[in-house]
């Protein structure tokens, strides 16, 4: 069993390395979208292997909503420093201050969608041909429609009806001026593959992924962390629970799960037995049946 698991992970790693090298060959200017979460850190770790002993040619690009977990930001800075990556940070607050984005209001207000404006402005500013992401097809039905080299038009928009065929692991990186690609080297990985790879490679992780006691509250079936960026409603009560997070993102829409998993082995066992997908804890995905696809069509990650 151990031998089969290692062989499976090696095959996924080799595929990702091939895609990363294809990106470097076809897209002279590219960056890795880095949230500090498990998928983006695995992507960054594989990218280091892909170009070793030379340094990775891609910087890490983080679009900071201003509502991120403090643990994630500390991990982001430490990871970039320890692994020798250039870190580029752009702030959603700057887009709001310039009038490029408008702050949402109301009890369910979030800056998650506003990241799209900041991201597209940054891609134009840096003249990037490609933005590499850690998204996987098993995460959500809209992401399952993505090609590995996912074309975006001059407005940064994604049209699932006009994606290019990718037969025999051949990727078409040709584009017109102003267009770009989102490239997803981990498309064929699963959540369990990510955790098995982290365990095998002994990669560092934000503490949010491990069980810890935290002040939380329940909103429409989602367990959210108490933060200065959210106002509790009269029917909501804050309390302390032992929780962990399966995804890492904006505090206003990233739900926790009740868990006592405090080691990688316990997390892997928990994920293997889970009946809910990791995106099932994301409050922003509940805005509509097609929430993710609607966001992706306008340029979201």
Protein backbone atom coordinates (compact mmCIF):
# COMPACT_ATOMS: atom_id res chain seq x y z
CA UNK A 1 0.00 0.00 0.00
CA UNK A 2 2.80 2.40 0.92
CA UNK A 3 4.60 1.61 -2.34
CA UNK A 4 1.45 2.26 -4.38
CA UNK A 5 0.83 5.56 -2.60
CA UNK A 6 4.37 6.74 -3.24
CA UNK A 7 4.15 5.76 -6.92
CA UNK A 8 0.84 7.63 -7.23
CA UNK A 9 2.28 10.77 -5.65
CA UNK A 10 5.38 10.54 -7.85
CA UNK A 11 3.17 10.41 -10.97
CA UNK A 12 1.23 13.50 -9.85
CA UNK A 13 4.44 15.32 -8.97
CA UNK A 14 6.01 14.52 -12.36
CA UNK A 15 2.89 15.74 -14.18
CA UNK A 16 2.94 19.01 -12.21
CA UNK A 17 6.66 19.49 -12.92
CA UNK A 18 6.00 18.99 -16.65
CA UNK A 19 3.23 21.64 -16.55
CA UNK A 20 5.41 24.09 -14.62
CA UNK A 21 8.24 23.70 -17.13
CA UNK A 22 5.81 24.13 -20.03
CA UNK A 23 4.59 27.33 -18.41
CA UNK A 24 8.13 28.66 -18.08
CA UNK A 25 8.82 27.76 -21.73
CA UNK A 26 5.65 29.34 -23.18
CA UNK A 27 4.95 32.19 -20.77
CA UNK A 28 8.01 34.41 -20.13
CA UNK A 29 6.24 36.34 -17.37
CA UNK A 30 4.32 34.25 -14.82
CA UNK A 31 3.63 34.17 -11.09
CA UNK A 32 2.28 31.67 -8.56
CA UNK A 33 -0.93 32.78 -6.87
CA UNK A 34 -0.12 32.19 -3.21
CA UNK A 35 -2.66 32.32 -0.40
CA UNK A 36 -0.58 30.56 2.25
CA UNK A 37 -2.98 27.62 2.03
CA UNK A 38 -2.07 23.96 1.57
CA UNK A 39 -2.60 23.84 -2.22
CA UNK A 40 -0.56 26.93 -3.04
CA UNK A 41 2.28 25.88 -0.76
CA UNK A 42 2.39 22.41 -2.38
CA UNK A 43 2.46 24.12 -5.79
CA UNK A 44 5.34 26.34 -4.66
CA UNK A 45 7.23 23.35 -3.25
CA UNK A 46 6.85 21.39 -6.50
CA UNK A 47 7.93 24.48 -8.47
CA UNK A 48 11.20 24.56 -6.52
CA UNK A 49 11.81 20.94 -7.51
CA UNK A 50 10.93 21.63 -11.15
CA UNK A 51 13.78 24.10 -11.61
CA UNK A 52 16.32 22.91 -9.04
CA UNK A 53 19.23 23.70 -8.75
CA UNK A 54 18.26 27.01 -10.39
CA UNK A 55 15.92 29.28 -8.43
CA UNK A 56 12.21 29.11 -9.27
CA UNK A 57 11.51 31.69 -12.02
CA UNK A 58 8.05 32.48 -10.63
CA UNK A 59 7.47 34.93 -7.76
CA UNK A 60 4.68 34.34 -5.25
CA UNK A 61 1.74 36.73 -5.71
CA UNK A 62 -0.68 37.26 -2.83
CA UNK A 63 -3.85 39.32 -3.18
CA UNK A 64 -4.48 40.38 0.41
CA UNK A 65 -8.11 41.21 1.25
CA UNK A 66 -7.13 42.81 4.54
CA UNK A 67 -9.40 40.30 6.26
CA UNK A 68 -7.01 37.36 6.31
CA UNK A 69 -6.15 35.29 9.36
CA UNK A 70 -3.07 36.66 11.11
CA UNK A 71 -1.67 33.11 11.25
CA UNK A 72 -1.85 32.89 7.44
CA UNK A 73 -0.02 36.18 6.89
CA UNK A 74 2.76 35.22 9.29
CA UNK A 75 3.13 31.85 7.55
CA UNK A 76 3.13 33.52 4.09
CA UNK A 77 6.06 35.76 4.99
CA UNK A 78 8.00 32.97 6.69
CA UNK A 79 7.47 30.52 3.81
CA UNK A 80 8.67 32.99 1.17
CA UNK A 81 11.74 33.85 3.22
CA UNK A 82 12.70 30.28 4.14
CA UNK A 83 12.17 28.87 0.63
CA UNK A 84 13.82 31.74 -1.24
CA UNK A 85 10.81 33.12 -3.13
CA UNK A 86 10.24 36.70 -4.18
CA UNK A 87 6.91 37.74 -2.60
CA UNK A 88 4.64 40.26 -4.33
CA UNK A 89 1.68 41.55 -2.29
CA UNK A 90 -1.21 43.63 -3.56
CA UNK A 91 -4.00 44.94 -1.32
CA UNK A 92 -7.74 44.97 -1.93
CA UNK A 93 -7.86 48.06 0.31
CA UNK A 94 -5.82 49.95 -2.30
CA UNK A 95 -8.41 49.06 -4.96
CA UNK A 96 -11.16 50.37 -2.66
CA UNK A 97 -9.23 53.58 -1.93
CA UNK A 98 -8.73 54.21 -5.65
CA UNK A 99 -12.43 53.66 -6.36
CA UNK A 100 -11.72 50.52 -8.39
CA UNK A 101 -13.77 48.36 -6.02
CA UNK A 102 -16.69 49.06 -3.72
CA UNK A 103 -16.92 47.68 -0.20
CA UNK A 104 -19.88 45.36 0.35
CA UNK A 105 -22.32 46.18 3.14
CA UNK A 106 -24.73 44.13 5.22
CA UNK A 107 -24.35 41.18 7.59
CA UNK A 108 -22.82 38.90 4.93
CA UNK A 109 -20.43 41.47 3.46
CA UNK A 110 -17.12 40.04 2.25
CA UNK A 111 -14.10 41.21 0.31
CA UNK A 112 -13.61 37.83 -1.32
CA UNK A 113 -15.19 38.86 -4.62
CA UNK A 114 -13.31 42.19 -4.59
CA UNK A 115 -10.05 40.27 -5.01
CA UNK A 116 -10.91 39.86 -8.69
CA UNK A 117 -10.46 43.59 -9.40
CA UNK A 118 -7.13 43.70 -7.56
CA UNK A 119 -5.91 40.53 -9.28
CA UNK A 120 -6.76 41.71 -12.80
CA UNK A 121 -5.18 45.11 -12.15
CA UNK A 122 -2.04 43.38 -10.86
CA UNK A 123 -1.82 41.05 -13.87
CA UNK A 124 -1.98 44.11 -16.13
CA UNK A 125 0.51 46.06 -14.00
CA UNK A 126 3.07 43.23 -14.00
CA UNK A 127 2.28 42.30 -17.64
CA UNK A 128 1.92 38.64 -16.68
CA UNK A 129 1.32 36.00 -19.36
CA UNK A 130 0.18 33.42 -16.81
CA UNK A 131 -0.94 33.10 -13.20
CA UNK A 132 -0.34 29.65 -11.74
CA UNK A 133 -2.88 28.46 -9.18
CA UNK A 134 -3.30 25.49 -6.87
CA UNK A 135 -6.94 24.84 -7.76
CA UNK A 136 -7.97 21.20 -8.19
CA UNK A 137 -10.82 19.68 -10.20
CA UNK A 138 -12.20 17.76 -7.22
CA UNK A 139 -12.84 20.97 -5.24
CA UNK A 140 -15.95 22.26 -6.98
CA UNK A 141 -18.03 21.63 -10.11
CA UNK A 142 -16.97 24.87 -11.84
CA UNK A 143 -13.30 24.07 -11.27
CA UNK A 144 -13.86 20.63 -12.77
CA UNK A 145 -14.55 22.40 -16.10
CA UNK A 146 -11.15 24.11 -16.15
CA UNK A 147 -8.41 23.16 -18.56
CA UNK A 148 -4.88 23.01 -17.16
CA UNK A 149 -3.93 25.95 -19.42
CA UNK A 150 -7.13 27.96 -18.91
CA UNK A 151 -7.46 30.84 -21.35
CA UNK A 152 -8.61 34.29 -20.22
CA UNK A 153 -9.62 37.05 -22.65
CA UNK A 154 -8.51 40.69 -22.59
CA UNK A 155 -11.05 41.38 -19.80
CA UNK A 156 -9.73 38.50 -17.70
CA UNK A 157 -12.92 36.55 -18.33
CA UNK A 158 -13.26 32.77 -18.52
CA UNK A 159 -15.66 31.11 -20.95
CA UNK A 160 -16.02 27.34 -20.38
CA UNK A 161 -17.40 26.91 -23.93
CA UNK A 162 -14.22 28.19 -25.55
CA UNK A 163 -11.50 26.24 -23.83
CA UNK A 164 -8.80 24.54 -25.85
CA UNK A 165 -8.37 20.76 -26.12
CA UNK A 166 -5.43 19.29 -24.19
CA UNK A 167 -4.73 15.95 -25.81
CA UNK A 168 -1.61 13.90 -25.02
CA UNK A 169 -0.47 16.43 -22.39
CA UNK A 170 0.07 19.11 -25.02
CA UNK A 171 -0.70 22.64 -23.87
CA UNK A 172 -1.38 25.58 -26.17
CA UNK A 173 0.05 28.76 -24.68
CA UNK A 174 -0.56 31.00 -27.68
CA UNK A 175 -2.49 34.18 -26.91
CA UNK A 176 -3.27 37.62 -28.26
CA UNK A 177 -1.96 40.82 -26.62
CA UNK A 178 -3.78 41.53 -23.37
CA UNK A 179 -4.90 37.92 -22.86
CA UNK A 180 -3.44 35.56 -20.27
CA UNK A 181 -3.66 32.06 -18.88
CA UNK A 182 -4.50 30.62 -15.50
CA UNK A 183 -2.42 27.46 -15.21
CA UNK A 184 -3.37 24.69 -12.76
CA UNK A 185 -0.58 22.11 -12.34
CA UNK A 186 -2.44 20.36 -9.49
CA UNK A 187 -5.68 19.88 -11.43
CA UNK A 188 -5.64 16.09 -11.13
CA UNK A 189 -4.75 15.99 -7.43
CA UNK A 190 -7.32 15.36 -4.70
CA UNK A 191 -7.46 16.81 -1.21
CA UNK A 192 -6.15 13.51 0.12
CA UNK A 193 -3.25 13.61 -2.38
CA UNK A 194 -2.32 17.08 -1.12
CA UNK A 195 -2.20 15.93 2.49
CA UNK A 196 -0.25 12.76 1.62
CA UNK A 197 2.30 14.87 -0.29
CA UNK A 198 2.64 17.34 2.59
CA UNK A 199 3.28 14.42 4.93
CA UNK A 200 5.81 12.81 2.58
CA UNK A 201 7.71 16.04 1.93
CA UNK A 202 7.37 17.28 5.52
CA UNK A 203 6.18 20.69 4.34
CA UNK A 204 5.41 23.45 6.85
CA UNK A 205 1.78 24.47 7.38
CA UNK A 206 -0.20 27.35 8.89
CA UNK A 207 -1.39 26.43 12.38
CA UNK A 208 -5.01 26.96 11.26
CA UNK A 209 -5.04 23.50 9.68
CA UNK A 210 -4.55 21.79 13.04
CA UNK A 211 -7.14 21.57 15.81
CA UNK A 212 -7.10 24.54 18.17
CA UNK A 213 -9.55 26.23 20.49
CA UNK A 214 -11.09 29.34 18.93
CA UNK A 215 -13.99 31.72 19.43
CA UNK A 216 -16.57 30.93 16.73
CA UNK A 217 -20.23 31.45 15.92
CA UNK A 218 -22.75 29.63 13.73
CA UNK A 219 -24.24 31.41 10.70
CA UNK A 220 -26.60 29.54 8.38
CA UNK A 221 -24.94 26.22 9.14
CA UNK A 222 -21.35 27.50 8.75
CA UNK A 223 -19.02 27.80 11.73
CA UNK A 224 -17.18 31.12 11.31
CA UNK A 225 -14.35 32.60 13.37
CA UNK A 226 -15.14 35.68 15.43
CA UNK A 227 -13.24 38.60 13.93
CA UNK A 228 -13.31 42.41 13.96
CA UNK A 229 -14.45 42.27 10.32
CA UNK A 230 -17.83 40.67 11.09
CA UNK A 231 -20.73 41.83 13.22
CA UNK A 232 -22.72 39.17 15.02
CA UNK A 233 -26.47 39.25 14.52
CA UNK A 234 -28.88 39.29 17.49
CA UNK A 235 -29.58 35.58 17.05
CA UNK A 236 -25.84 34.66 16.97
CA UNK A 237 -23.72 33.88 20.01
CA UNK A 238 -19.95 33.55 20.18
CA UNK A 239 -18.53 30.55 21.99
CA UNK A 240 -15.26 28.64 22.14
CA UNK A 241 -14.82 25.31 20.36
CA UNK A 242 -12.05 22.97 19.28
CA UNK A 243 -11.90 23.48 15.50
CA UNK A 244 -9.61 23.49 12.50
CA UNK A 245 -9.89 24.82 8.94
CA UNK A 246 -9.86 22.68 5.78
CA UNK A 247 -9.33 25.73 3.56
CA UNK A 248 -7.61 29.05 4.26
CA UNK A 249 -9.00 32.31 2.94
CA UNK A 250 -10.81 35.48 3.94
CA UNK A 251 -12.05 35.28 7.54
CA UNK A 252 -15.52 36.46 6.52
CA UNK A 253 -16.25 33.41 4.39
CA UNK A 254 -13.92 30.60 5.54
CA UNK A 255 -15.75 28.10 7.70
CA UNK A 256 -14.23 25.88 10.37
CA UNK A 257 -14.95 22.24 11.15
CA UNK A 258 -15.19 20.70 14.58
CA UNK A 259 -12.10 18.54 14.92
CA UNK A 260 -9.52 17.20 17.33
CA UNK A 261 -6.99 16.36 14.56
CA UNK A 262 -3.67 17.77 15.75
CA UNK A 263 -1.22 15.78 13.57
CA UNK A 264 -0.86 15.15 9.84
CA UNK A 265 -1.78 11.48 10.32
CA UNK A 266 -4.99 12.46 12.12
CA UNK A 267 -5.87 15.01 9.43
CA UNK A 268 -5.36 12.42 6.67
CA UNK A 269 -7.59 9.94 8.50
CA UNK A 270 -10.24 12.63 9.01
CA UNK A 271 -10.18 13.73 5.35
CA UNK A 272 -10.40 10.12 4.16
CA UNK A 273 -13.57 9.62 6.21
CA UNK A 274 -15.16 13.03 5.48
CA UNK A 275 -18.58 13.14 3.82
CA UNK A 276 -18.43 16.87 3.03
CA UNK A 277 -16.08 18.45 0.50
CA UNK A 278 -13.63 21.06 1.72
CA UNK A 279 -15.45 23.78 -0.27
CA UNK A 280 -18.55 22.83 1.70
CA UNK A 281 -17.17 24.98 4.53
CA UNK A 282 -16.89 28.11 2.35
CA UNK A 283 -19.71 30.55 3.11
CA UNK A 284 -19.20 32.49 -0.14
CA UNK A 285 -20.01 29.40 -2.23
CA UNK A 286 -23.52 29.40 -0.77
CA UNK A 287 -24.57 32.70 -2.31
CA UNK A 288 -26.05 30.84 -5.29
CA UNK A 289 -25.95 27.44 -6.99
CA UNK A 290 -23.46 28.82 -9.52
CA UNK A 291 -21.52 31.13 -7.19
CA UNK A 292 -18.05 29.84 -8.10
CA UNK A 293 -18.72 29.73 -11.85
CA UNK A 294 -20.17 33.24 -11.82
CA UNK A 295 -17.04 34.54 -10.08
CA UNK A 296 -14.70 32.65 -12.41
CA UNK A 297 -16.39 34.11 -15.49
CA UNK A 298 -15.47 37.61 -14.31
CA UNK A 299 -11.82 36.79 -13.55
CA UNK A 300 -11.82 35.20 -10.09
CA UNK A 301 -9.04 32.75 -9.12
